[in-house]
Protein backbone atom coordinates (compact mmCIF):
# COMPACT_ATOMS: atom_id res chain seq x y z
CA UNK A 1 0.11 0.19 0.18
CA UNK A 2 0.89 3.48 -0.53
CA UNK A 3 0.15 7.16 0.48
CA UNK A 4 -1.63 8.64 -2.47
CA UNK A 5 -0.66 12.19 -1.38
CA UNK A 6 3.34 11.47 -2.29
CA UNK A 7 4.59 12.96 -5.37
CA UNK A 8 3.44 11.82 -8.88
CA UNK A 9 7.13 10.80 -9.64
CA UNK A 10 7.16 8.39 -6.63
CA UNK A 11 3.76 6.94 -7.45
CA UNK A 12 4.51 6.32 -11.14
CA UNK A 13 7.68 4.23 -10.40
CA UNK A 14 5.37 2.42 -7.71
CA UNK A 15 2.65 1.96 -9.87
CA UNK A 16 4.29 0.10 -12.67
CA UNK A 17 3.37 -3.10 -10.93
CA UNK A 18 0.04 -2.31 -12.13
CA UNK A 19 1.09 -1.80 -15.83
CA UNK A 20 -1.26 -4.63 -16.92
CA UNK A 21 -4.18 -2.49 -15.96
CA UNK A 22 -3.73 0.19 -18.37
CA UNK A 23 -5.26 -0.69 -21.76
CA UNK A 24 -2.86 0.52 -24.86
CA UNK A 25 -4.18 3.78 -26.43
CA UNK A 26 -5.79 3.68 -29.88
CA UNK A 27 -7.04 6.20 -32.17
CA UNK A 28 -10.35 5.01 -32.31
CA UNK A 29 -10.63 5.25 -28.55
CA UNK A 30 -9.03 8.82 -28.21
CA UNK A 31 -11.83 9.90 -31.08
CA UNK A 32 -14.56 8.29 -29.23
CA UNK A 33 -13.53 10.00 -25.90
CA UNK A 34 -13.62 13.58 -27.19
CA UNK A 35 -15.61 15.63 -24.59
CA UNK A 36 -17.50 17.29 -27.43
CA UNK A 37 -21.09 16.86 -26.37
CA UNK A 38 -22.31 16.73 -29.96
CA UNK A 39 -23.70 13.41 -31.31
CA UNK A 40 -21.07 11.06 -32.10
CA UNK A 41 -20.04 10.42 -35.90
CA UNK A 42 -21.99 7.73 -37.68
CA UNK A 43 -18.56 6.25 -38.69
CA UNK A 44 -18.27 3.12 -37.51
CA UNK A 45 -15.30 2.74 -35.00
CA UNK A 46 -13.94 -0.42 -32.98
CA UNK A 47 -14.09 -0.11 -29.62
CA UNK A 48 -11.22 -1.41 -27.32
CA UNK A 49 -12.36 -4.62 -25.40
CA UNK A 50 -12.36 -2.75 -21.90
CA UNK A 51 -14.99 -0.29 -23.08
CA UNK A 52 -17.32 -2.95 -24.28
CA UNK A 53 -20.65 -2.41 -22.69
CA UNK A 54 -21.82 -4.99 -19.84
CA UNK A 55 -24.48 -7.58 -20.66
CA UNK A 56 -27.18 -6.83 -18.24
CA UNK A 57 -27.52 -9.71 -15.79
CA UNK A 58 -30.40 -8.32 -13.67
CA UNK A 59 -34.09 -7.94 -14.47
CA UNK A 60 -35.46 -4.45 -15.40
CA UNK A 61 -37.37 -4.15 -12.14
CA UNK A 62 -33.96 -5.03 -10.46
CA UNK A 63 -32.17 -2.42 -12.33
CA UNK A 64 -34.77 0.03 -11.63
CA UNK A 65 -34.59 -0.32 -7.87
CA UNK A 66 -30.82 -0.05 -8.15
CA UNK A 67 -31.02 3.25 -10.13
CA UNK A 68 -33.84 4.77 -7.41
CA UNK A 69 -31.19 3.61 -4.77
CA UNK A 70 -28.39 5.07 -6.62
CA UNK A 71 -29.75 8.86 -6.83
CA UNK A 72 -31.64 8.66 -3.36
CA UNK A 73 -28.77 6.98 -1.85
CA UNK A 74 -26.86 10.15 -2.93
CA UNK A 75 -29.32 12.31 -1.36
CA UNK A 76 -29.59 9.89 2.08
CA UNK A 77 -25.75 10.04 2.39
CA UNK A 78 -25.54 13.76 1.95
CA UNK A 79 -28.19 14.19 4.48
CA UNK A 80 -26.52 12.00 7.06
CA UNK A 81 -22.96 13.24 6.58
CA UNK A 82 -23.90 16.99 6.83
CA UNK A 83 -24.10 16.66 10.70
CA UNK A 84 -20.22 15.93 10.84
CA UNK A 85 -19.16 18.21 8.00
CA UNK A 86 -15.98 20.26 8.57
CA UNK A 87 -15.65 18.61 12.11
CA UNK A 88 -12.33 16.64 12.88
CA UNK A 89 -12.72 12.92 13.34
CA UNK A 90 -14.02 11.33 16.21
CA UNK A 91 -15.03 14.52 18.04
CA UNK A 92 -18.64 13.28 17.66
CA UNK A 93 -20.29 10.18 16.39
CA UNK A 94 -23.61 9.71 14.80
CA UNK A 95 -25.59 6.61 14.35
CA UNK A 96 -28.60 8.07 12.42
CA UNK A 97 -30.10 10.67 10.30
CA UNK A 98 -30.32 13.92 12.70
CA UNK A 99 -29.87 17.04 10.73
CA UNK A 100 -27.70 19.91 12.29
CA UNK A 101 -24.25 20.22 11.06
CA UNK A 102 -22.57 23.69 10.07
CA UNK A 103 -26.01 24.87 8.21
CA UNK A 104 -28.12 23.73 11.21
CA UNK A 105 -30.16 21.53 8.83
CA UNK A 106 -33.42 19.73 9.48
CA UNK A 107 -33.30 15.98 9.51
CA UNK A 108 -33.80 14.93 5.96
CA UNK A 109 -32.56 18.28 4.41
CA UNK A 110 -29.44 17.76 1.95
CA UNK A 111 -26.62 19.98 0.45
CA UNK A 112 -25.08 21.22 -2.42
CA UNK A 113 -24.21 17.34 -3.50
CA UNK A 114 -27.88 16.41 -4.37
CA UNK A 115 -28.86 20.01 -5.38
CA UNK A 116 -25.93 19.59 -8.26
CA UNK A 117 -27.20 16.05 -8.89
CA UNK A 118 -30.96 16.96 -9.49
CA UNK A 119 -29.58 19.83 -11.94
CA UNK A 120 -27.99 17.09 -13.80
CA UNK A 121 -30.85 14.79 -13.86
CA UNK A 122 -33.08 17.65 -15.07
CA UNK A 123 -30.33 18.13 -18.05
CA UNK A 124 -31.04 14.37 -19.02
CA UNK A 125 -34.63 14.81 -18.72
CA UNK A 126 -35.05 17.94 -20.72
CA UNK A 127 -32.38 17.68 -23.15
CA UNK A 128 -31.88 13.81 -23.67
CA UNK A 129 -28.04 14.20 -23.51
CA UNK A 130 -25.54 15.76 -21.23
CA UNK A 131 -25.91 19.31 -22.56
CA UNK A 132 -23.36 21.63 -20.74
CA UNK A 133 -25.02 24.69 -21.53
CA UNK A 134 -28.16 23.66 -19.84
CA UNK A 135 -26.56 22.08 -17.09
CA UNK A 136 -24.67 25.20 -16.29
CA UNK A 137 -27.79 27.28 -16.52
CA UNK A 138 -29.55 24.92 -13.99
CA UNK A 139 -26.44 25.11 -11.85
CA UNK A 140 -26.47 28.93 -12.00
CA UNK A 141 -30.13 28.83 -11.29
CA UNK A 142 -29.53 26.86 -8.00
CA UNK A 143 -26.48 29.28 -7.30
CA UNK A 144 -28.34 32.43 -7.55
CA UNK A 145 -31.98 31.38 -6.81
CA UNK A 146 -31.77 28.21 -4.66
CA UNK A 147 -33.25 25.90 -7.74
CA UNK A 148 -33.29 22.37 -6.52
CA UNK A 149 -32.18 23.19 -2.86
CA UNK A 150 -33.45 21.33 -0.03
CA UNK A 151 -34.49 24.78 1.96
CA UNK A 152 -34.80 27.24 -0.91
CA UNK A 153 -31.39 28.65 -0.86
CA UNK A 154 -27.88 27.80 -2.23
CA UNK A 155 -25.36 26.91 0.77
CA UNK A 156 -22.41 24.68 1.04
CA UNK A 157 -21.18 25.43 -2.70
CA UNK A 158 -17.61 24.79 -2.99
CA UNK A 159 -15.12 27.33 -4.01
CA UNK A 160 -14.14 26.00 -7.27
CA UNK A 161 -17.72 25.59 -8.27
CA UNK A 162 -18.65 29.08 -7.42
CA UNK A 163 -15.63 30.28 -9.24
CA UNK A 164 -16.64 28.02 -12.12
CA UNK A 165 -20.29 29.38 -12.52
CA UNK A 166 -19.22 33.31 -11.82
CA UNK A 167 -16.69 32.57 -14.87
CA UNK A 168 -19.57 31.17 -17.01
CA UNK A 169 -21.63 34.05 -16.04
CA UNK A 170 -19.07 36.81 -17.04
CA UNK A 171 -17.21 35.16 -20.00
CA UNK A 172 -20.18 32.98 -21.54
CA UNK A 173 -20.62 29.29 -22.31
CA UNK A 174 -17.25 28.98 -24.02
CA UNK A 175 -15.50 29.32 -20.39
CA UNK A 176 -13.50 26.16 -19.58
CA UNK A 177 -11.55 26.24 -16.40
CA UNK A 178 -10.33 24.54 -13.16
CA UNK A 179 -7.73 22.84 -14.78
CA UNK A 180 -4.89 22.84 -12.41
CA UNK A 181 -4.22 19.91 -10.19
CA UNK A 182 -4.97 22.08 -7.25
CA UNK A 183 -8.52 22.46 -8.21
CA UNK A 184 -9.24 18.54 -8.24
CA UNK A 185 -12.18 18.95 -5.67
CA UNK A 186 -15.09 16.63 -5.36
CA UNK A 187 -17.97 18.31 -6.86
CA UNK A 188 -18.26 16.50 -10.05
CA UNK A 189 -17.91 13.34 -8.32
CA UNK A 190 -20.61 13.81 -5.59
CA UNK A 191 -23.19 14.81 -8.32
CA UNK A 192 -22.55 12.07 -10.87
CA UNK A 193 -25.34 9.58 -10.23
CA UNK A 194 -27.74 10.55 -13.14
CA UNK A 195 -24.79 10.05 -15.58
CA UNK A 196 -24.54 6.28 -14.51
CA UNK A 197 -28.38 5.93 -14.66
CA UNK A 198 -28.95 7.36 -18.22
CA UNK A 199 -25.92 5.88 -19.73
CA UNK A 200 -26.36 2.41 -18.15
CA UNK A 201 -26.84 0.71 -21.49
CA UNK A 202 -23.35 2.06 -23.03
CA UNK A 203 -19.97 1.85 -21.19
CA UNK A 204 -18.40 4.39 -23.85
CA UNK A 205 -21.20 6.97 -23.42
CA UNK A 206 -21.15 7.13 -19.59
CA UNK A 207 -17.42 7.35 -19.85
CA UNK A 208 -17.51 10.21 -21.99
CA UNK A 209 -20.37 12.04 -20.11
CA UNK A 210 -18.48 11.48 -16.83
CA UNK A 211 -16.04 13.93 -18.66
CA UNK A 212 -18.63 16.36 -20.01
CA UNK A 213 -20.11 16.60 -16.74
CA UNK A 214 -17.25 17.31 -14.55
CA UNK A 215 -15.99 19.74 -17.12
CA UNK A 216 -18.97 21.99 -16.55
CA UNK A 217 -17.18 23.09 -13.40
CA UNK A 218 -13.91 20.88 -13.16
CA UNK A 219 -11.55 20.23 -15.85
CA UNK A 220 -8.68 18.98 -13.67
CA UNK A 221 -7.63 15.57 -15.12
CA UNK A 222 -8.12 13.73 -11.67
CA UNK A 223 -11.74 15.32 -11.40
CA UNK A 224 -12.64 14.06 -14.88
CA UNK A 225 -11.02 10.61 -14.44
CA UNK A 226 -12.46 9.94 -10.99
CA UNK A 227 -15.58 10.75 -12.45
CA UNK A 228 -15.08 8.17 -15.21
CA UNK A 229 -13.86 5.50 -12.71
CA UNK A 230 -17.03 5.95 -10.60
CA UNK A 231 -18.96 5.47 -13.88
CA UNK A 232 -17.33 2.08 -14.32
CA UNK A 233 -17.91 0.85 -10.85
CA UNK A 234 -21.68 2.06 -10.97
CA UNK A 235 -22.11 0.40 -14.52
CA UNK A 236 -21.31 -3.03 -13.12
CA UNK A 237 -23.74 -2.41 -10.17
CA UNK A 238 -26.61 -1.22 -12.16
CA UNK A 239 -26.29 -4.22 -14.45
CA UNK A 240 -26.43 -6.85 -11.66
CA UNK A 241 -23.05 -7.52 -10.92
CA UNK A 242 -21.67 -8.67 -7.50
CA UNK A 243 -19.71 -6.20 -5.23
CA UNK A 244 -16.73 -8.51 -5.81
CA UNK A 245 -17.10 -7.89 -9.49
CA UNK A 246 -17.99 -4.30 -9.41
CA UNK A 247 -15.15 -3.39 -7.02
CA UNK A 248 -12.38 -5.67 -8.79
CA UNK A 249 -9.49 -4.42 -10.77
CA UNK A 250 -10.65 -3.21 -14.40
CA UNK A 251 -8.43 -2.49 -17.46
CA UNK A 252 -9.12 1.37 -18.03
CA UNK A 253 -7.39 4.20 -19.14
CA UNK A 254 -6.47 5.86 -15.56
CA UNK A 255 -4.26 8.69 -13.95
CA UNK A 256 -1.73 7.23 -11.59
CA UNK A 257 -3.86 7.63 -8.45
CA UNK A 258 -6.88 6.54 -10.25
CA UNK A 259 -4.73 3.35 -11.16
CA UNK A 260 -3.68 2.58 -7.80
CA UNK A 261 -7.46 2.93 -6.27
CA UNK A 262 -8.41 0.43 -9.41
CA UNK A 263 -5.92 -1.95 -8.05
CA UNK A 264 -7.73 -2.37 -4.87
CA UNK A 265 -5.14 -1.04 -2.31
CA UNK A 266 -7.84 0.87 -0.39
CA UNK A 267 -9.38 -2.52 0.45
CA UNK A 268 -6.50 -3.18 2.82
CA UNK A 269 -6.04 0.46 4.51
CA UNK A 270 -7.18 0.91 8.02
CA UNK A 271 -9.39 3.90 8.97
CA UNK A 272 -6.57 5.64 10.23
CA UNK A 273 -4.99 5.75 6.43
CA UNK A 274 -8.32 7.02 4.87
CA UNK A 275 -8.75 10.46 4.23
CA UNK A 276 -11.94 12.42 4.08
CA UNK A 277 -10.99 15.63 2.32
CA UNK A 278 -12.56 17.59 -0.34
CA UNK A 279 -9.84 16.34 -2.76
CA UNK A 280 -11.45 14.14 -5.25
CA UNK A 281 -9.02 11.45 -4.59
CA UNK A 282 -9.54 11.10 -0.92
CA UNK A 283 -13.40 11.26 -1.39
CA UNK A 284 -13.43 8.57 -4.05
CA UNK A 285 -11.05 6.33 -1.79
CA UNK A 286 -13.13 6.67 1.23
CA UNK A 287 -16.34 6.03 -0.25
CA UNK A 288 -15.07 2.92 -1.92
CA UNK A 289 -13.27 1.76 1.24
CA UNK A 290 -16.88 2.37 3.49
CA UNK A 291 -18.66 0.28 0.93
CA UNK A 292 -16.13 -2.41 0.63
CA UNK A 293 -15.81 -2.86 4.29
CA UNK A 294 -19.51 -3.22 5.15
CA UNK A 295 -22.42 -5.28 4.13
CA UNK A 296 -25.43 -2.99 4.32
CA UNK A 297 -26.35 0.39 2.89
CA UNK A 298 -26.92 1.85 6.57
CA UNK A 299 -23.57 0.72 7.81
CA UNK A 300 -21.57 2.07 4.58
CA UNK A 301 -23.07 5.33 4.98
CA UNK A 302 -22.38 5.49 8.79
CA UNK A 303 -18.99 4.41 8.23
CA UNK A 304 -18.37 6.97 5.67
CA UNK A 305 -19.88 9.81 7.76
CA UNK A 306 -18.31 9.13 10.98
CA UNK A 307 -15.02 9.60 8.93
CA UNK A 308 -15.96 13.24 9.29
CA UNK A 309 -14.22 16.42 7.46
CA UNK A 310 -16.10 16.53 4.12
CA UNK A 311 -18.46 13.92 5.41
CA UNK A 312 -21.64 14.73 3.52
CA UNK A 313 -19.66 14.44 0.35
CA UNK A 314 -17.80 11.25 1.31
CA UNK A 315 -21.15 9.98 2.48
CA UNK A 316 -22.95 10.86 -0.51
CA UNK A 317 -20.69 9.24 -2.76
CA UNK A 318 -20.87 6.02 -0.74
CA UNK A 319 -24.24 6.33 -0.78
CA UNK A 320 -24.46 6.29 -4.59
CA UNK A 321 -22.31 3.01 -4.55
CA UNK A 322 -24.33 1.48 -1.66
CA UNK A 323 -27.42 2.40 -3.48
CA UNK A 324 -26.53 0.95 -6.61
CA UNK A 325 -25.48 -2.32 -4.83
CA UNK A 326 -28.28 -2.73 -2.49
CA UNK A 327 -31.07 -0.74 -4.32
CA UNK A 328 -33.68 1.54 -3.15
CA UNK A 329 -35.10 -1.43 -1.26
CA UNK A 330 -31.91 -1.50 1.12
CA UNK A 331 -31.90 2.02 2.26
CA UNK A 332 -33.80 2.22 5.74
CA UNK A 333 -37.45 3.32 5.29
CA UNK A 334 -37.10 5.71 8.28
CA UNK A 335 -34.22 7.70 6.25
CA UNK A 336 -36.21 7.49 3.04
CA UNK A 337 -39.27 9.00 4.77
CA UNK A 338 -37.32 11.90 6.37
CA UNK A 339 -35.66 13.08 3.05
CA UNK A 340 -37.02 16.21 1.65
CA UNK A 341 -38.51 16.12 -1.84
CA UNK A 342 -38.29 12.21 -1.76
CA UNK A 343 -40.78 11.82 -4.25
CA UNK A 344 -39.09 14.20 -6.70
CA UNK A 345 -35.83 12.51 -6.35
CA UNK A 346 -37.39 9.40 -7.05
CA UNK A 347 -39.44 10.63 -10.09
CA UNK A 348 -36.24 12.02 -11.60
CA UNK A 349 -34.48 8.49 -11.05
CA UNK A 350 -37.25 6.81 -12.87
CA UNK A 351 -37.48 9.01 -15.58
CA UNK A 352 -33.88 8.97 -16.34
CA UNK A 353 -34.03 5.15 -16.07
CA UNK A 354 -36.84 5.03 -18.58
CA UNK A 355 -35.01 7.58 -20.72
CA UNK A 356 -32.00 5.60 -21.14
CA UNK A 357 -31.05 5.02 -24.68
CA UNK A 358 -29.82 2.16 -26.33
CA UNK A 359 -26.04 1.75 -27.29
CA UNK A 360 -25.59 3.20 -30.77
CA UNK A 361 -24.09 0.62 -33.21
């Protein structure tokens, strides 16, 4: 095991042991992975084996249950984790959804994580693809007017997200930024769920949309690649594969820290070795660790939330994974009943599930 905060140079030397997980680059793959949101060319292009869409192993009924669990699980994790947001680890411990936290929320109210996810869901429902301009407009409506907020106001917005939206307001839709490694926050990761649901029938389109939705606010390579990796795991879970299959090592294009996470080193780490900051790598690793080391949705979310620090985001990401694994039916009813606008969230999940297009030939 290795600390993912050490230098890139040291990590790249260490990660040579996982070279078999890195596919050879191809011209076709590079062309398919353009982050241009326009429809792909009709030209027939072969996909590398690692980008083949998985065969659905479960029934549509079960897949829908998982899709609802994925989006609602995000909101539930968000609402549970907000209590310990910004707190040092182990100062307090929670075992339920109780609200409070830095924003003094009522139990069942959620933060920016869920608000942004609902804006992304609206994009698919209204446009039928990941339309960056529409998505950004919804995010700006949230930022300025409290659209898709649990209490009618925008709160808990991250600095990088705020900066991105202000730049879009000032400079127009062509703005692309937050490319620096220092801006690799977790905002795109924590809102990702709608991509996995809408693109559940196409690995390559899910991979592409993961990048598009991230770049709406976060263009740092690690932010993009973390969303792509999360989509791979969710693609397995939504299509009925086991936790062991979904959390196994996959051949995929990955930056060095994502490569080491993909290799599964987090599975062997102790709680003290897991960080729960807003850095996208820390959030991804912590969420995977929490779900891997538990056997129920509730236990996964509580383990994630009690890591504290960026607790709502870590728990929201764990909630996505655990929701897709255990389904809507695996989320405690008492938590579902507390969630603000739960019917809206469930309705959005059902709509994007039903709108999910077949993969183009």
